[in-house]
C-alpha cells in the first residue's frame, strides 16, 4: 500500500494534493504557534512549509519538463 501511495505521490495530481495538504497543516501549526507561543509549533510549521514548497517545486518542474525529469529520477 505504501508503494502505491508513493507511486501516486509522484504524479502531478499527487504532488498537488500533498503540497496543498502540507500547506494546510503548516497553516494550522503556525496558527497554534502564534496563539500559544511555543517554539515546537513554529518548528513543525516550518517543516511542513518546506515540505509543501518541495512538492510545489517538483510539480512545477514536472509541468515544465514533462515526464523527462521523472524518468531520469527513477533510473
Protein backbone atom coordinates (compact mmCIF):
# COMPACT_ATOMS: atom_id res chain seq x y z
CA UNK A 1 0.00 0.00 0.00
CA UNK A 2 2.84 2.41 0.76
CA UNK A 3 4.40 1.69 -2.64
CA UNK A 4 1.12 2.59 -4.32
CA UNK A 5 0.89 5.80 -2.29
CA UNK A 6 4.48 6.70 -3.18
CA UNK A 7 3.82 5.99 -6.86
CA UNK A 8 0.71 8.20 -6.77
CA UNK A 9 2.63 10.89 -4.89
CA UNK A 10 5.00 11.16 -7.88
CA UNK A 11 2.14 12.07 -10.24
CA UNK A 12 1.11 15.65 -10.95
CA UNK A 13 -2.13 15.29 -9.03
CA UNK A 14 -0.36 13.59 -6.13
CA UNK A 15 2.20 16.38 -5.86
CA UNK A 16 -0.57 18.98 -5.90
CA UNK A 17 -2.66 17.20 -3.25
CA UNK A 18 0.30 16.57 -0.95
CA UNK A 19 1.52 20.15 -1.39
CA UNK A 20 -1.87 21.60 -0.52
CA UNK A 21 -2.31 19.23 2.43
CA UNK A 22 1.11 20.11 3.85
CA UNK A 23 0.41 23.79 3.33
CA UNK A 24 -2.85 23.48 5.28
CA UNK A 25 -1.09 21.61 8.09
CA UNK A 26 1.66 24.25 8.17
CA UNK A 27 -1.01 26.95 8.45
CA UNK A 28 -2.58 25.11 11.37
CA UNK A 29 0.72 24.76 13.20
CA UNK A 30 1.58 28.42 12.50
CA UNK A 31 -1.75 29.46 13.99
CA UNK A 32 -1.07 27.37 17.06
CA UNK A 33 2.44 28.80 17.32
CA UNK A 34 1.20 32.39 17.21
CA UNK A 35 -1.60 31.64 19.66
CA UNK A 36 0.42 29.66 22.19
CA UNK A 37 3.96 30.99 21.59
CA UNK A 38 5.51 27.52 21.65
CA UNK A 39 8.70 27.07 19.62
CA UNK A 40 7.82 23.45 18.78
CA UNK A 41 4.73 24.63 16.90
CA UNK A 42 6.92 27.07 14.93
CA UNK A 43 9.33 24.25 14.10
CA UNK A 44 6.54 21.96 12.91
CA UNK A 45 5.05 24.78 10.82
CA UNK A 46 8.44 25.35 9.21
CA UNK A 47 8.93 21.63 8.47
CA UNK A 48 5.54 21.33 6.78
CA UNK A 49 6.06 24.60 4.89
CA UNK A 50 9.34 23.33 3.47
CA UNK A 51 7.67 20.02 2.54
CA UNK A 52 4.89 21.81 0.71
CA UNK A 53 7.37 24.01 -1.16
CA UNK A 54 9.31 20.92 -2.24
CA UNK A 55 6.13 19.37 -3.61
CA UNK A 56 5.18 22.55 -5.46
CA UNK A 57 8.67 22.92 -6.99
CA UNK A 58 8.61 19.28 -8.10
CA UNK A 59 5.17 19.88 -9.61
CA UNK A 60 6.38 22.95 -11.49
CA UNK A 61 9.43 21.05 -12.71
CA UNK A 62 7.24 18.21 -13.91
CA UNK A 63 4.90 20.61 -15.69
CA UNK A 64 7.79 22.38 -17.43
CA UNK A 65 9.91 19.35 -18.30
CA UNK A 66 7.14 16.83 -18.79
CA UNK A 67 7.94 13.23 -17.94
CA UNK A 68 11.63 13.57 -18.89
CA UNK A 69 12.58 14.65 -15.38
CA UNK A 70 10.52 11.89 -13.78
CA UNK A 71 12.14 9.22 -15.95
CA UNK A 72 15.67 10.36 -15.13
CA UNK A 73 14.93 10.44 -11.38
CA UNK A 74 13.62 6.88 -11.36
CA UNK A 75 16.58 5.29 -13.14
